[in-house]
Amino acid sequence: MLGFGQQDEQDEMTTVVPTDAAYQLTDEQKKLLDQMEQDENGMVLLGEVSHDFLNQQTQYASRYLTGLGNTPNLSEGLRTDTSAMGHNYHAFTIHKDDIVEFVARVRQYRWNVGAVEYGKF
């Protein structure tokens, strides 16, 4: 199986697209996940997820929870809360047990739109 950037026998660029099932946390990310503060309902601030797992600012990651602009809502079926007063993305939360699935969806979406070329993950 060829990886990203490897060439096949016809000397054409071939990429392997990651799937949700293929996404695995690194040991460092597992530690970060275990240490994340959560409220009594198991909810974690989106800011921690966006910085530690998506390498982006909260304002950009929040778009994947709300579907703002041209960004799809990737939180369907996940436990999230975007009801913060004034649509304050700093107060958006996601359930700790849904973080890996959310991150996998965002990574897949970003891969599909070509963000991998810019080193966004």
C-alpha atoms as a PDB file:
ATOM      1  CA  MET A   1       0.000   0.000   0.000  1.00  0.00           C
ATOM      2  CA  LEU A   2       1.341   3.383  -0.950  1.00  0.00           C
ATOM      3  CA  GLY A   3       1.406   6.281   1.478  1.00  0.00           C
ATOM      4  CA  PHE A   4       0.971   9.974   0.855  1.00  0.00           C
ATOM      5  CA  GLY A   5       3.491  11.264  -1.604  1.00  0.00           C
ATOM      6  CA  GLN A   6       4.743   7.855  -2.762  1.00  0.00           C
ATOM      7  CA  GLN A   7       4.761   7.021  -6.431  1.00  0.00           C
ATOM      8  CA  ASP A   8       3.218   3.960  -8.036  1.00  0.00           C
ATOM      9  CA  GLU A   9       4.690   1.884 -10.859  1.00  0.00           C
ATOM     10  CA  GLN A  10       3.343   4.249 -13.519  1.00  0.00           C
ATOM     11  CA  ASP A  11       5.224   7.084 -11.805  1.00  0.00           C
ATOM     12  CA  GLU A  12       1.966   8.846 -10.916  1.00  0.00           C
ATOM     13  CA  MET A  13       1.309  10.380  -7.529  1.00  0.00           C
ATOM     14  CA  THR A  14      -0.962   8.147  -5.441  1.00  0.00           C
ATOM     15  CA  THR A  15      -2.394   8.993  -2.046  1.00  0.00           C
ATOM     16  CA  VAL A  16      -4.063   6.932   0.600  1.00  0.00           C
ATOM     17  CA  VAL A  17      -7.002   8.802   2.044  1.00  0.00           C
ATOM     18  CA  PRO A  18      -7.352   8.347   5.798  1.00  0.00           C
ATOM     19  CA  THR A  19     -10.681   7.042   7.028  1.00  0.00           C
ATOM     20  CA  ASP A  20     -12.393   7.520  10.354  1.00  0.00           C
ATOM     21  CA  ALA A  21     -11.483   3.960  11.305  1.00  0.00           C
ATOM     22  CA  ALA A  22      -7.804   4.585  10.537  1.00  0.00           C
ATOM     23  CA  TYR A  23      -7.481   7.595  12.845  1.00  0.00           C
ATOM     24  CA  GLN A  24      -5.599   6.726  15.995  1.00  0.00           C
ATOM     25  CA  LEU A  25      -4.547   8.992  18.831  1.00  0.00           C
ATOM     26  CA  THR A  26      -0.858   9.359  19.476  1.00  0.00           C
ATOM     27  CA  ASP A  27       0.386   8.512  22.969  1.00  0.00           C
ATOM     28  CA  GLU A  28       0.737  12.234  23.652  1.00  0.00           C
ATOM     29  CA  GLN A  29      -2.854  12.867  22.537  1.00  0.00           C
ATOM     30  CA  LYS A  30      -4.103  10.006  24.726  1.00  0.00           C
ATOM     31  CA  LYS A  31      -2.453  11.685  27.717  1.00  0.00           C
ATOM     32  CA  LEU A  32      -3.963  15.051  26.770  1.00  0.00           C
ATOM     33  CA  LEU A  33      -7.406  13.477  26.449  1.00  0.00           C
ATOM     34  CA  ASP A  34      -7.094  11.824  29.861  1.00  0.00           C
ATOM     35  CA  GLN A  35      -6.074  15.144  31.454  1.00  0.00           C
ATOM     36  CA  MET A  36      -8.801  17.298  29.898  1.00  0.00           C
ATOM     37  CA  GLU A  37     -11.104  19.025  32.327  1.00  0.00           C
ATOM     38  CA  GLN A  38     -14.713  18.054  31.899  1.00  0.00           C
ATOM     39  CA  ASP A  39     -17.896  19.237  33.527  1.00  0.00           C
ATOM     40  CA  GLU A  40     -20.360  17.040  35.417  1.00  0.00           C
ATOM     41  CA  ASN A  41     -21.847  15.906  32.080  1.00  0.00           C
ATOM     42  CA  GLY A  42     -18.521  14.900  30.544  1.00  0.00           C
ATOM     43  CA  MET A  43     -18.323  17.979  28.317  1.00  0.00           C
ATOM     44  CA  VAL A  44     -14.966  19.515  27.333  1.00  0.00           C
ATOM     45  CA  LEU A  45     -14.333  22.996  25.962  1.00  0.00           C
ATOM     46  CA  LEU A  46     -13.874  22.988  22.201  1.00  0.00           C
ATOM     47  CA  GLY A  47     -10.774  25.154  22.579  1.00  0.00           C
ATOM     48  CA  GLU A  48      -8.839  22.305  24.150  1.00  0.00           C
ATOM     49  CA  VAL A  49      -9.832  19.977  21.331  1.00  0.00           C
ATOM     50  CA  SER A  50      -9.088  22.463  18.565  1.00  0.00           C
ATOM     51  CA  HIS A  51      -5.622  23.317  19.873  1.00  0.00           C
ATOM     52  CA  ASP A  52      -4.513  19.851  21.001  1.00  0.00           C
ATOM     53  CA  PHE A  53      -6.004  17.702  18.251  1.00  0.00           C
ATOM     54  CA  LEU A  54      -6.723  19.894  15.220  1.00  0.00           C
ATOM     55  CA  ASN A  55      -3.884  22.421  15.431  1.00  0.00           C
ATOM     56  CA  GLN A  56      -6.198  25.333  14.818  1.00  0.00           C
ATOM     57  CA  GLN A  57      -7.821  28.177  16.676  1.00  0.00           C
ATOM     58  CA  THR A  58     -11.182  27.626  18.327  1.00  0.00           C
ATOM     59  CA  GLN A  59     -12.963  30.055  16.018  1.00  0.00           C
ATOM     60  CA  TYR A  60     -12.117  27.861  13.018  1.00  0.00           C
ATOM     61  CA  ALA A  61     -12.871  24.531  14.699  1.00  0.00           C
ATOM     62  CA  SER A  62     -16.221  25.892  15.885  1.00  0.00           C
ATOM     63  CA  ARG A  63     -17.385  26.086  12.279  1.00  0.00           C
ATOM     64  CA  TYR A  64     -17.359  22.279  12.127  1.00  0.00           C
ATOM     65  CA  LEU A  65     -19.867  22.227  15.007  1.00  0.00           C
ATOM     66  CA  THR A  66     -22.177  24.872  13.578  1.00  0.00           C
ATOM     67  CA  GLY A  67     -21.826  24.587   9.821  1.00  0.00           C
ATOM     68  CA  LEU A  68     -21.058  28.292   9.601  1.00  0.00           C
ATOM     69  CA  GLY A  69     -20.449  29.660   6.131  1.00  0.00           C
ATOM     70  CA  ASN A  70     -19.307  27.064   3.635  1.00  0.00           C
ATOM     71  CA  THR A  71     -18.131  24.667   6.333  1.00  0.00           C
ATOM     72  CA  PRO A  72     -20.212  21.527   6.877  1.00  0.00           C
ATOM     73  CA  ASN A  73     -21.606  20.643  10.287  1.00  0.00           C
ATOM     74  CA  LEU A  74     -19.550  17.582  11.224  1.00  0.00           C
ATOM     75  CA  SER A  75     -21.096  17.109  14.664  1.00  0.00           C
ATOM     76  CA  GLU A  76     -24.271  15.260  13.672  1.00  0.00           C
ATOM     77  CA  GLY A  77     -24.950  12.494  16.186  1.00  0.00           C
ATOM     78  CA  LEU A  78     -22.294  13.769  18.586  1.00  0.00           C
ATOM     79  CA  ARG A  79     -22.927  15.311  21.984  1.00  0.00           C
ATOM     80  CA  THR A  80     -22.120  18.989  21.597  1.00  0.00           C
ATOM     81  CA  ASP A  81     -23.384  22.273  22.999  1.00  0.00           C
ATOM     82  CA  THR A  82     -23.205  25.369  20.831  1.00  0.00           C
ATOM     83  CA  SER A  83     -25.941  27.282  22.629  1.00  0.00           C
ATOM     84  CA  ALA A  84     -23.564  29.733  24.299  1.00  0.00           C
ATOM     85  CA  MET A  85     -24.948  33.234  24.673  1.00  0.00           C
ATOM     86  CA  GLY A  86     -24.020  35.403  21.719  1.00  0.00           C
ATOM     87  CA  HIS A  87     -22.746  32.359  19.854  1.00  0.00           C
ATOM     88  CA  ASN A  88     -19.513  32.554  21.857  1.00  0.00           C
ATOM     89  CA  TYR A  89     -17.385  29.798  20.339  1.00  0.00           C
ATOM     90  CA  HIS A  90     -15.086  29.865  23.390  1.00  0.00           C
ATOM     91  CA  ALA A  91     -17.943  28.345  25.394  1.00  0.00           C
ATOM     92  CA  PHE A  92     -18.767  25.580  22.880  1.00  0.00           C
ATOM     93  CA  THR A  93     -18.335  22.097  24.284  1.00  0.00           C
ATOM     94  CA  ILE A  94     -18.145  18.506  23.081  1.00  0.00           C
ATOM     95  CA  HIS A  95     -18.484  15.308  25.077  1.00  0.00           C
ATOM     96  CA  LYS A  96     -15.143  13.766  25.937  1.00  0.00           C
ATOM     97  CA  ASP A  97     -16.180  10.400  24.477  1.00  0.00           C
ATOM     98  CA  ASP A  98     -17.022  12.046  21.121  1.00  0.00           C
ATOM     99  CA  ILE A  99     -13.727  13.877  20.639  1.00  0.00           C
ATOM    100  CA  VAL A 100     -11.951  11.151  18.667  1.00  0.00           C
ATOM    101  CA  GLU A 101     -14.896  10.759  16.268  1.00  0.00           C
ATOM    102  CA  PHE A 102     -15.156  14.530  15.795  1.00  0.00           C
ATOM    103  CA  VAL A 103     -11.431  14.876  15.132  1.00  0.00           C
ATOM    104  CA  ALA A 104     -11.556  11.989  12.648  1.00  0.00           C
ATOM    105  CA  ARG A 105     -14.422  13.662  10.768  1.00  0.00           C
ATOM    106  CA  VAL A 106     -12.622  16.993  10.623  1.00  0.00           C
ATOM    107  CA  ARG A 107      -9.388  15.372   9.459  1.00  0.00           C
ATOM    108  CA  GLN A 108     -11.255  13.466   6.754  1.00  0.00           C
ATOM    109  CA  TYR A 109     -13.036  16.610   5.584  1.00  0.00           C
ATOM    110  CA  ARG A 110      -9.844  18.646   5.547  1.00  0.00           C
ATOM    111  CA  TRP A 111      -8.104  15.875   3.620  1.00  0.00           C
ATOM    112  CA  ASN A 112     -10.901  15.832   1.077  1.00  0.00           C
ATOM    113  CA  VAL A 113     -10.676  19.573   0.440  1.00  0.00           C
ATOM    114  CA  GLY A 114      -6.913  19.498   0.106  1.00  0.00           C
ATOM    115  CA  ALA A 115      -5.847  21.045   3.389  1.00  0.00           C
ATOM    116  CA  VAL A 116      -3.245  18.314   3.771  1.00  0.00           C
ATOM    117  CA  GLU A 117      -1.143  20.195   1.214  1.00  0.00           C
ATOM    118  CA  TYR A 118      -0.857  23.061   3.675  1.00  0.00           C
ATOM    119  CA  GLY A 119       0.267  20.935   6.626  1.00  0.00           C
ATOM    120  CA  LYS A 120      -2.878  21.579   8.657  1.00  0.00           C
ATOM    121  CA  PHE A 121      -2.728  18.148  10.316  1.00  0.00           C
END
